């Protein structure tokens, strides 16, 4: 049963809002016709249409293109409007234009736009977006009646996107350069972001991997494993890489790949020694066959996880070498030395075109965007880059995958400041935008599962207070 699914009818939505579903694409990456793929016991398109109806909308336009002849009978049976995009091979933006041109004939205040790729958008998510628009308009605030609105989960934007009728002409007149994002970005300051609490609004089946993830998500009751359960009895050690080679002036360094400096290697070695000392008791327990709580010890550590950016990889290699030299008995326990497993999911935030450029240069080249970033550093992102909420979602997925597949007590992750912030806060039941004490370069945080309430320990030099830092200094820390 879909989250929030019910058949309660209400006219307050139907008289004001319509819906546009995009189902014209070639499904190239999916390598299967997405509209007819089964999701939650029914074809994706049929399920999405039923959900839109259950949300209270009857004005539903479906954009067809590729395999149109297969969909037309279904659309007739389901009683929805077809908008055929004969130029569907030109991409999604052309389908958006065709869909809105057809839908606007109904004269509604605005339209919920959603791709068939996102079949888990629920009734409650759709209604939350429509309610958010209604509340914003009633408040007579700066957004006005021409504001875009979007469903979000933990700050990350998903679907549907609400398009007000006052912006449709601008979309129809666009040459498509930069897609719909080029238009919505102009109004980022007034966009209504509706927190839904439902991850289903983010999930898409653009690829076979995405489709399999959706099926797992449905099978588990539209939920993910809780991090507090996955981390039970585990000690999570979050290590920040050492200092990197320095530049002549402050730089934006996200996924820009820069190696450690000599000082950074010294810092990583010091972190490795501290971790070796912390592991002493656990290695002894493994040898004796009983931990300090009288329980059978969890398996010995076999690997250290690290971002695949060179500064994290170098730091992880140094730490792994320290562990292997200090505890050769681990080789006998596990059949080999502790190794480093690289994971692109643990990379620092992507800054797109800003990455690897001086902060001064970016402030001069992108003054409006730079000012927007200063107003909301967590939600801001350049096109082709990530927001902190995007990064949080990515690294949480990487963490879950690690915890599912590694039963060792000690989970060591070598990454970046922004990644560690997201991981630590989420393990402790918070979000990336909640308060956090930064980790110094070459330092680490240890989240200890004993006693029952997790405790937190910080190792390394005394970290700076982020509240006292300039915006430039904040980004200096996010390397």
Protein backbone atom coordinates (compact mmCIF):
# COMPACT_ATOMS: atom_id res chain seq x y z
CA UNK A 1 0.00 0.00 0.00
CA UNK A 2 1.43 3.37 -0.97
CA UNK A 3 2.41 5.73 1.84
CA UNK A 4 -0.42 8.19 2.41
CA UNK A 5 -2.69 6.37 -0.03
CA UNK A 6 -6.40 6.89 0.56
CA UNK A 7 -9.47 7.63 -1.50
CA UNK A 8 -10.81 10.59 0.44
CA UNK A 9 -12.20 13.05 -2.09
CA UNK A 10 -11.94 16.80 -1.78
CA UNK A 11 -12.79 19.50 -4.29
CA UNK A 12 -10.37 22.04 -2.86
CA UNK A 13 -7.54 20.54 -4.93
CA UNK A 14 -9.41 19.62 -8.09
CA UNK A 15 -10.76 23.09 -8.75
CA UNK A 16 -7.33 24.71 -8.51
CA UNK A 17 -4.68 22.19 -9.58
CA UNK A 18 -3.91 19.85 -12.44
CA UNK A 19 -1.16 17.30 -13.05
CA UNK A 20 1.27 16.61 -15.90
CA UNK A 21 2.99 13.21 -16.06
CA UNK A 22 5.98 12.80 -18.39
CA UNK A 23 6.02 9.40 -20.10
CA UNK A 24 7.57 10.18 -23.50
CA UNK A 25 11.21 9.26 -23.00
CA UNK A 26 13.29 6.63 -24.74
CA UNK A 27 14.21 4.86 -21.47
CA UNK A 28 17.73 4.52 -22.86
CA UNK A 29 19.55 4.01 -19.56
CA UNK A 30 16.80 1.85 -18.10
CA UNK A 31 16.79 -0.41 -21.19
CA UNK A 32 13.11 -1.18 -20.56
CA UNK A 33 9.89 0.77 -21.13
CA UNK A 34 9.47 2.53 -17.79
CA UNK A 35 5.76 3.42 -17.94
CA UNK A 36 4.80 -0.27 -17.97
CA UNK A 37 7.35 -1.60 -15.48
CA UNK A 38 5.59 -3.15 -12.46
CA UNK A 39 5.88 -1.14 -9.25
CA UNK A 40 3.98 -2.03 -6.09
CA UNK A 41 1.79 -4.50 -7.96
CA UNK A 42 0.81 -2.41 -11.00
CA UNK A 43 2.40 -0.68 -14.02
CA UNK A 44 4.27 2.46 -12.97
CA UNK A 45 2.18 4.84 -15.08
CA UNK A 46 -1.13 3.36 -13.99
CA UNK A 47 -0.11 3.51 -10.35
CA UNK A 48 0.98 7.13 -10.63
CA UNK A 49 -2.27 8.12 -12.35
CA UNK A 50 -4.33 6.36 -9.67
CA UNK A 51 -2.37 8.16 -6.97
CA UNK A 52 -2.93 11.55 -8.61
CA UNK A 53 -6.65 10.82 -8.72
CA UNK A 54 -6.64 9.74 -5.09
CA UNK A 55 -4.94 13.02 -4.20
CA UNK A 56 -8.09 14.75 -5.48
CA UNK A 57 -7.13 15.72 -9.05
CA UNK A 58 -9.06 14.80 -12.17
CA UNK A 59 -7.30 17.05 -14.70
CA UNK A 60 -4.38 14.78 -15.61
CA UNK A 61 -2.27 15.18 -18.75
CA UNK A 62 0.16 12.42 -19.77
CA UNK A 63 2.87 13.30 -22.29
CA UNK A 64 3.57 10.44 -24.70
CA UNK A 65 6.27 9.95 -27.31
CA UNK A 66 8.32 6.76 -27.52
CA UNK A 67 6.02 3.70 -27.78
CA UNK A 68 2.98 5.96 -27.91
CA UNK A 69 0.88 3.26 -29.56
CA UNK A 70 1.26 1.07 -26.48
CA UNK A 71 0.16 3.79 -24.05
CA UNK A 72 -2.82 5.33 -25.90
CA UNK A 73 -5.25 2.46 -25.08
CA UNK A 74 -4.18 2.61 -21.43
CA UNK A 75 -4.70 6.36 -21.23
CA UNK A 76 -8.16 5.98 -22.72
CA UNK A 77 -9.03 3.28 -20.21
CA UNK A 78 -7.77 5.40 -17.32
CA UNK A 79 -9.61 8.51 -18.50
CA UNK A 80 -6.70 10.94 -18.76
CA UNK A 81 -5.65 13.47 -21.39
CA UNK A 82 -2.85 12.69 -23.85
CA UNK A 83 -0.34 15.27 -25.06
CA UNK A 84 1.81 13.76 -27.82
CA UNK A 85 5.36 15.04 -28.16
CA UNK A 86 6.41 14.22 -31.70
CA UNK A 87 9.88 15.57 -30.90
CA UNK A 88 10.36 13.38 -27.83
CA UNK A 89 13.90 12.51 -28.93
CA UNK A 90 14.84 16.14 -28.18
CA UNK A 91 14.67 15.37 -24.48
CA UNK A 92 12.60 15.99 -21.38
CA UNK A 93 12.29 19.75 -21.69
CA UNK A 94 10.44 19.40 -24.99
CA UNK A 95 7.98 17.06 -23.26
CA UNK A 96 7.52 19.54 -20.43
CA UNK A 97 6.63 22.23 -22.95
CA UNK A 98 4.16 19.99 -24.80
CA UNK A 99 2.54 18.85 -21.55
CA UNK A 100 2.13 22.35 -20.11
CA UNK A 101 0.81 23.75 -23.42
CA UNK A 102 -1.92 21.11 -23.38
CA UNK A 103 -2.67 21.19 -19.64
CA UNK A 104 -2.97 24.96 -19.38
CA UNK A 105 -6.12 24.84 -21.49
CA UNK A 106 -7.97 23.76 -18.34
CA UNK A 107 -7.19 27.13 -16.76
CA UNK A 108 -6.00 25.82 -13.40
CA UNK A 109 -3.86 27.88 -11.01
CA UNK A 110 -0.95 25.55 -11.50
CA UNK A 111 0.19 22.02 -12.26
CA UNK A 112 2.05 19.25 -10.46
CA UNK A 113 4.78 18.07 -12.84
CA UNK A 114 6.21 14.59 -12.34
CA UNK A 115 8.09 12.04 -14.45
CA UNK A 116 6.85 8.47 -14.68
CA UNK A 117 10.38 7.59 -13.51
CA UNK A 118 9.27 8.52 -9.97
CA UNK A 119 6.45 6.08 -9.26
CA UNK A 120 6.48 6.32 -5.46
CA UNK A 121 5.18 9.87 -5.15
CA UNK A 122 2.32 9.50 -2.68
CA UNK A 123 -1.05 11.12 -2.08
CA UNK A 124 0.25 12.81 1.05
CA UNK A 125 3.27 14.24 -0.81
CA UNK A 126 1.09 15.68 -3.57
CA UNK A 127 -1.31 17.18 -1.06
CA UNK A 128 1.54 18.56 1.02
CA UNK A 129 2.85 20.46 -2.02
CA UNK A 130 -0.60 21.81 -2.87
CA UNK A 131 -1.16 22.79 0.76
CA UNK A 132 2.23 24.49 0.82
CA UNK A 133 1.29 26.56 -2.22
CA UNK A 134 -2.07 27.45 -0.66
CA UNK A 135 -0.52 28.53 2.63
CA UNK A 136 2.17 30.60 0.93
CA UNK A 137 -0.38 32.42 -1.21
CA UNK A 138 -2.68 33.02 1.75
CA UNK A 139 0.19 34.48 3.75
CA UNK A 140 0.72 37.12 1.05
CA UNK A 141 4.47 36.83 1.50
CA UNK A 142 7.25 37.50 -0.98
CA UNK A 143 6.59 34.31 -2.93
CA UNK A 144 3.34 35.53 -4.45
CA UNK A 145 1.13 33.37 -6.66
CA UNK A 146 3.87 32.79 -9.25
CA UNK A 147 6.21 30.81 -7.01
CA UNK A 148 7.42 27.36 -7.92
CA UNK A 149 7.09 24.71 -5.20
CA UNK A 150 8.80 21.37 -4.76
CA UNK A 151 8.58 18.31 -2.53
CA UNK A 152 11.72 17.66 -0.50
CA UNK A 153 12.97 14.91 1.79
CA UNK A 154 15.51 15.89 4.42
CA UNK A 155 16.18 19.04 2.43
CA UNK A 156 16.83 17.28 -0.91
CA UNK A 157 14.51 18.26 -3.76
CA UNK A 158 12.35 15.57 -5.32
CA UNK A 159 8.98 15.41 -7.10
CA UNK A 160 6.46 16.69 -7.87
CA UNK A 161 7.45 20.19 -8.94
CA UNK A 162 4.60 22.69 -8.84
CA UNK A 163 4.49 25.05 -11.82
CA UNK A 164 2.24 28.11 -11.43
CA UNK A 165 0.31 29.23 -14.50
CA UNK A 166 2.13 32.58 -14.37
CA UNK A 167 5.42 30.87 -15.31
CA UNK A 168 4.14 28.71 -18.15
CA UNK A 169 4.66 31.31 -20.89
CA UNK A 170 8.27 31.71 -19.82
CA UNK A 171 8.77 27.95 -20.05
CA UNK A 172 7.06 27.67 -23.44
CA UNK A 173 9.13 30.52 -24.87
CA UNK A 174 12.45 29.08 -23.67
CA UNK A 175 14.91 27.58 -26.15
CA UNK A 176 15.56 24.82 -23.64
CA UNK A 177 19.15 25.81 -22.90
CA UNK A 178 19.83 24.50 -19.42
CA UNK A 179 16.47 22.75 -19.23
CA UNK A 180 13.75 23.60 -16.74
CA UNK A 181 16.39 24.11 -14.02
CA UNK A 182 17.64 27.20 -15.86
CA UNK A 183 14.23 28.77 -15.29
CA UNK A 184 13.52 27.57 -11.76
CA UNK A 185 17.00 28.71 -10.69
CA UNK A 186 16.02 32.30 -11.47
CA UNK A 187 13.39 32.06 -8.77
CA UNK A 188 15.31 29.97 -6.25
CA UNK A 189 14.83 32.58 -3.52
CA UNK A 190 11.04 32.33 -3.74
CA UNK A 191 10.71 28.60 -4.39
CA UNK A 192 8.49 26.93 -1.79
CA UNK A 193 10.31 23.90 -0.40
CA UNK A 194 7.83 21.48 1.18
CA UNK A 195 9.40 18.99 3.59
CA UNK A 196 7.42 15.76 3.16
CA UNK A 197 9.21 13.28 5.41
CA UNK A 198 8.81 10.69 2.62
CA UNK A 199 11.85 9.38 0.76
CA UNK A 200 9.64 8.03 -2.01
CA UNK A 201 9.48 11.50 -3.56
CA UNK A 202 13.22 11.20 -4.38
CA UNK A 203 13.42 7.71 -5.80
CA UNK A 204 13.56 7.25 -9.56
CA UNK A 205 14.03 4.30 -11.90
CA UNK A 206 16.20 5.99 -14.48
CA UNK A 207 18.55 3.00 -14.39
CA UNK A 208 18.22 -0.73 -13.61
CA UNK A 209 19.96 -0.04 -10.29
CA UNK A 210 17.40 2.63 -9.45
CA UNK A 211 14.55 0.25 -10.30
CA UNK A 212 15.99 -2.46 -8.06
CA UNK A 213 16.33 0.08 -5.25
CA UNK A 214 12.67 1.04 -5.64
CA UNK A 215 11.62 -2.61 -5.45
CA UNK A 216 13.65 -3.09 -2.26
CA UNK A 217 12.19 0.09 -0.80
CA UNK A 218 8.63 -1.11 -1.48
CA UNK A 219 9.39 -4.59 -0.13
CA UNK A 220 10.59 -3.08 3.16
CA UNK A 221 7.37 -1.14 3.63
CA UNK A 222 8.47 2.11 1.99
CA UNK A 223 11.29 2.60 4.50
CA UNK A 224 15.03 2.29 4.99
CA UNK A 225 16.87 0.54 7.79
CA UNK A 226 17.26 2.87 10.74
CA UNK A 227 20.86 3.92 11.32
CA UNK A 228 20.60 3.36 15.08
CA UNK A 229 19.82 -0.30 14.40
CA UNK A 230 22.55 -0.71 11.79
CA UNK A 231 25.13 0.83 14.15
CA UNK A 232 24.13 -1.29 17.17
CA UNK A 233 27.26 -2.58 18.98
CA UNK A 234 29.45 -0.93 16.36
CA UNK A 235 32.04 1.74 17.04
CA UNK A 236 32.08 4.28 14.23
CA UNK A 237 35.34 6.17 13.76
CA UNK A 238 35.03 9.11 11.37
CA UNK A 239 38.45 10.39 10.28
CA UNK A 240 39.07 13.64 8.45
CA UNK A 241 41.93 13.47 5.96
CA UNK A 242 45.10 15.39 6.69
CA UNK A 243 46.05 18.82 5.46
CA UNK A 244 46.29 19.15 1.68
CA UNK A 245 48.88 20.90 -0.42
CA UNK A 246 48.25 24.61 -0.01
CA UNK A 247 47.34 27.17 -2.66
CA UNK A 248 48.31 30.80 -2.91
CA UNK A 249 44.82 31.97 -1.94
CA UNK A 250 41.66 30.43 -0.42
CA UNK A 251 40.02 27.96 -2.79
CA UNK A 252 36.75 26.13 -3.14
CA UNK A 253 37.78 22.52 -2.68
CA UNK A 254 34.97 20.00 -2.87
CA UNK A 255 35.64 17.13 -5.27
CA UNK A 256 38.65 18.96 -6.72
CA UNK A 257 41.37 16.35 -6.26
CA UNK A 258 44.42 17.58 -4.36
CA UNK A 259 47.00 15.43 -2.51
CA UNK A 260 48.15 15.65 1.08
CA UNK A 261 50.93 17.95 2.13
CA UNK A 262 53.86 16.66 4.18
CA UNK A 263 52.10 17.99 7.27
CA UNK A 264 48.95 16.16 6.20
CA UNK A 265 50.83 12.86 6.11
CA UNK A 266 52.15 13.52 9.61
CA UNK A 267 48.60 14.22 10.79
CA UNK A 268 47.30 11.00 9.23
CA UNK A 269 50.09 9.01 10.89
CA UNK A 270 49.21 10.53 14.27
CA UNK A 271 45.56 9.65 13.74
CA UNK A 272 46.59 6.12 12.84
CA UNK A 273 48.55 5.74 16.07
CA UNK A 274 45.62 7.00 18.17
CA UNK A 275 43.31 4.54 16.44
CA UNK A 276 45.81 1.72 17.03
CA UNK A 277 45.75 2.51 20.75
CA UNK A 278 41.94 2.58 20.81
CA UNK A 279 41.78 -0.83 19.15
CA UNK A 280 44.07 -2.54 21.66
CA UNK A 281 41.27 -3.75 23.91
CA UNK A 282 39.19 -5.04 21.02
CA UNK A 283 42.08 -6.95 19.47
CA UNK A 284 42.80 -8.54 22.84
CA UNK A 285 39.12 -9.47 23.23
CA UNK A 286 39.15 -11.06 19.80
CA UNK A 287 42.17 -13.14 20.78
CA UNK A 288 40.56 -14.21 24.07
CA UNK A 289 37.16 -14.85 22.54
CA UNK A 290 35.17 -12.55 24.85
CA UNK A 291 34.62 -8.78 24.98
CA UNK A 292 34.49 -6.55 28.07
CA UNK A 293 30.75 -7.15 28.40
CA UNK A 294 31.15 -10.90 28.54
CA UNK A 295 29.78 -11.35 25.04
CA UNK A 296 31.33 -13.05 22.07
CA UNK A 297 33.36 -10.32 20.36
CA UNK A 298 32.32 -8.97 17.01
CA UNK A 299 34.61 -9.86 14.08
CA UNK A 300 37.94 -8.11 13.73
CA UNK A 301 38.32 -5.21 11.35
CA UNK A 302 39.22 -6.23 7.80
CA UNK A 303 38.99 -2.96 5.94
CA UNK A 304 39.00 0.80 6.25
CA UNK A 305 36.54 2.76 4.10
CA UNK A 306 37.58 5.93 2.35
CA UNK A 307 36.48 8.49 -0.18
CA UNK A 308 38.21 7.83 -3.50
CA UNK A 309 39.61 11.37 -3.61
CA UNK A 310 43.37 11.20 -3.26
CA UNK A 311 43.61 13.17 0.01
CA UNK A 312 41.30 10.68 1.73
CA UNK A 313 42.87 7.64 0.08
CA UNK A 314 46.39 8.70 1.14
CA UNK A 315 45.22 9.25 4.72
CA UNK A 316 43.44 5.88 4.81
CA UNK A 317 46.50 4.07 3.45
CA UNK A 318 48.66 5.57 6.20
CA UNK A 319 46.16 4.57 8.89
CA UNK A 320 45.81 1.03 7.49
CA UNK A 321 49.59 0.68 7.47
CA UNK A 322 49.73 1.73 11.14
CA UNK A 323 47.09 -0.85 12.11
CA UNK A 324 48.77 -3.64 10.17
CA UNK A 325 52.16 -2.94 11.71
CA UNK A 326 50.76 -2.74 15.24
CA UNK A 327 48.52 -5.80 15.03
CA UNK A 328 50.00 -8.47 12.73
CA UNK A 329 47.67 -10.96 14.46
CA UNK A 330 44.77 -9.41 12.55
CA UNK A 331 46.24 -10.96 9.41
CA UNK A 332 45.82 -14.41 10.97
CA UNK A 333 42.28 -13.65 12.15
CA UNK A 334 40.99 -12.34 8.86
CA UNK A 335 43.25 -14.02 6.35
CA UNK A 336 44.98 -10.86 5.20
CA UNK A 337 46.05 -7.34 6.17
CA UNK A 338 43.55 -4.58 6.81
CA UNK A 339 42.94 -2.99 3.42
CA UNK A 340 41.39 0.22 2.16
CA UNK A 341 38.08 0.07 0.29
CA UNK A 342 37.40 3.20 -1.78
CA UNK A 343 33.86 4.47 -2.13
CA UNK A 344 32.87 7.36 -4.41
CA UNK A 345 29.76 7.78 -2.28
CA UNK A 346 31.98 9.20 0.47
CA UNK A 347 33.36 12.05 -1.65
CA UNK A 348 33.08 15.62 -0.43
CA UNK A 349 30.28 17.80 -1.78
CA UNK A 350 30.47 18.54 -5.51
CA UNK A 351 30.80 22.27 -6.17
CA UNK A 352 30.49 21.99 -9.93
CA UNK A 353 32.09 24.85 -11.87
CA UNK A 354 33.31 26.41 -8.62
CA UNK A 355 35.49 23.46 -7.64
CA UNK A 356 39.20 24.18 -7.64
CA UNK A 357 38.83 27.93 -8.18
CA UNK A 358 39.79 30.79 -5.83
CA UNK A 359 36.92 32.08 -3.68
CA UNK A 360 37.74 35.62 -4.82
CA UNK A 361 37.37 34.64 -8.47
CA UNK A 362 34.03 32.92 -7.86
CA UNK A 363 32.65 35.90 -5.93
CA UNK A 364 33.56 38.16 -8.87
CA UNK A 365 32.34 35.80 -11.62
CA UNK A 366 29.11 34.64 -9.98
CA UNK A 367 28.08 37.54 -7.70
CA UNK A 368 24.36 36.69 -7.56
CA UNK A 369 24.91 32.99 -6.95
CA UNK A 370 27.62 33.73 -4.39
CA UNK A 371 25.19 35.97 -2.51
CA UNK A 372 22.48 33.28 -2.64
CA UNK A 373 24.90 30.74 -1.24
CA UNK A 374 25.63 33.07 1.66
CA UNK A 375 21.93 33.28 2.48
CA UNK A 376 21.34 29.50 2.57
CA UNK A 377 24.54 27.50 2.38
CA UNK A 378 22.82 24.15 2.90
CA UNK A 379 20.17 24.41 0.17
CA UNK A 380 22.29 26.29 -2.37
CA UNK A 381 23.83 24.55 -5.36
CA UNK A 382 25.12 25.48 -8.75
CA UNK A 383 23.72 23.62 -11.74
CA UNK A 384 25.57 20.35 -12.14
CA UNK A 385 26.72 20.45 -8.52
CA UNK A 386 25.28 19.35 -5.17
CA UNK A 387 23.66 21.03 -2.21
CA UNK A 388 24.61 19.88 1.28
CA UNK A 389 21.26 18.06 1.37
CA UNK A 390 22.16 16.21 -1.84
CA UNK A 391 25.50 15.25 -0.38
CA UNK A 392 23.85 14.09 2.86
CA UNK A 393 21.51 11.77 0.96
CA UNK A 394 24.41 10.30 -1.01
CA UNK A 395 26.66 9.62 1.96
CA UNK A 396 23.83 8.14 4.04
CA UNK A 397 23.25 5.63 1.25
CA UNK A 398 26.98 4.81 1.25
CA UNK A 399 26.96 4.38 5.05
CA UNK A 400 23.95 2.06 4.97
CA UNK A 401 25.65 -0.07 2.34
CA UNK A 402 28.81 -0.29 4.48
CA UNK A 403 26.91 -1.23 7.63
CA UNK A 404 24.80 -3.85 5.85
CA UNK A 405 27.86 -5.65 4.53
CA UNK A 406 30.42 -5.32 7.31
CA UNK A 407 29.84 -7.07 10.64
CA UNK A 408 33.07 -5.84 12.28
CA UNK A 409 32.77 -3.84 15.48
CA UNK A 410 35.11 -1.07 14.33
CA UNK A 411 33.96 0.79 11.24
CA UNK A 412 36.60 3.32 10.20
CA UNK A 413 35.65 5.85 7.55
CA UNK A 414 38.18 8.34 6.18
CA UNK A 415 36.49 11.23 4.44
CA UNK A 416 35.97 14.98 4.41
CA UNK A 417 34.60 17.57 6.78
CA UNK A 418 31.22 17.97 5.07
CA UNK A 419 30.79 14.20 4.79
CA UNK A 420 31.70 13.65 8.44
CA UNK A 421 29.23 16.33 9.47
CA UNK A 422 26.44 14.58 7.57
CA UNK A 423 27.39 11.12 8.84
CA UNK A 424 27.83 12.04 12.49
CA UNK A 425 24.69 14.14 12.71
CA UNK A 426 22.58 11.45 11.06
CA UNK A 427 23.99 8.66 13.22
CA UNK A 428 23.03 10.78 16.22
CA UNK A 429 19.52 11.33 14.85
CA UNK A 430 20.10 14.84 13.47
CA UNK A 431 20.54 16.43 10.04
CA UNK A 432 23.45 18.00 8.19
CA UNK A 433 22.13 21.51 8.90
CA UNK A 434 22.00 20.95 12.66
CA UNK A 435 24.76 22.30 14.91
CA UNK A 436 28.03 20.41 14.69
CA UNK A 437 31.53 20.71 16.11
CA UNK A 438 34.05 20.52 13.22
CA UNK A 439 36.86 17.97 13.09
CA UNK A 440 40.36 19.35 12.56
CA UNK A 441 42.39 18.08 9.62
CA UNK A 442 43.87 14.75 10.60
CA UNK A 443 41.50 14.47 13.57
CA UNK A 444 38.61 12.09 14.07
CA UNK A 445 35.33 11.56 15.86
CA UNK A 446 34.52 8.26 17.56
CA UNK A 447 30.89 7.34 18.11
CA UNK A 448 30.97 4.69 20.81
CA UNK A 449 27.95 2.39 21.15
CA UNK A 450 28.67 1.55 24.81
CA UNK A 451 26.97 2.15 27.14
CA UNK A 452 23.48 1.95 25.64
CA UNK A 453 23.41 5.68 24.90
CA UNK A 454 26.07 6.48 22.30
CA UNK A 455 28.81 8.75 23.52
CA UNK A 456 30.94 11.00 21.36
CA UNK A 457 34.68 11.58 21.62
CA UNK A 458 36.76 14.03 19.63
CA UNK A 459 40.44 13.42 18.87
CA UNK A 460 42.87 15.93 17.46
CA UNK A 461 43.49 19.64 17.93
CA UNK A 462 40.75 21.78 19.43
CA UNK A 463 38.38 22.54 16.52
CA UNK A 464 37.33 26.03 15.59
CA UNK A 465 33.86 27.35 16.31
CA UNK A 466 32.07 27.52 12.96
CA UNK A 467 29.79 30.29 14.23
CA UNK A 468 32.78 32.58 14.55
CA UNK A 469 34.12 31.89 11.07
CA UNK A 470 33.77 33.84 7.85
CA UNK A 471 32.00 32.18 4.92
CA UNK A 472 35.35 31.81 3.20
CA UNK A 473 36.77 30.02 6.20
CA UNK A 474 33.79 27.67 6.27
CA UNK A 475 34.57 26.46 2.77
CA UNK A 476 38.24 26.14 3.64
CA UNK A 477 37.14 23.50 6.13
CA UNK A 478 35.04 21.61 3.58
CA UNK A 479 37.86 19.82 1.83
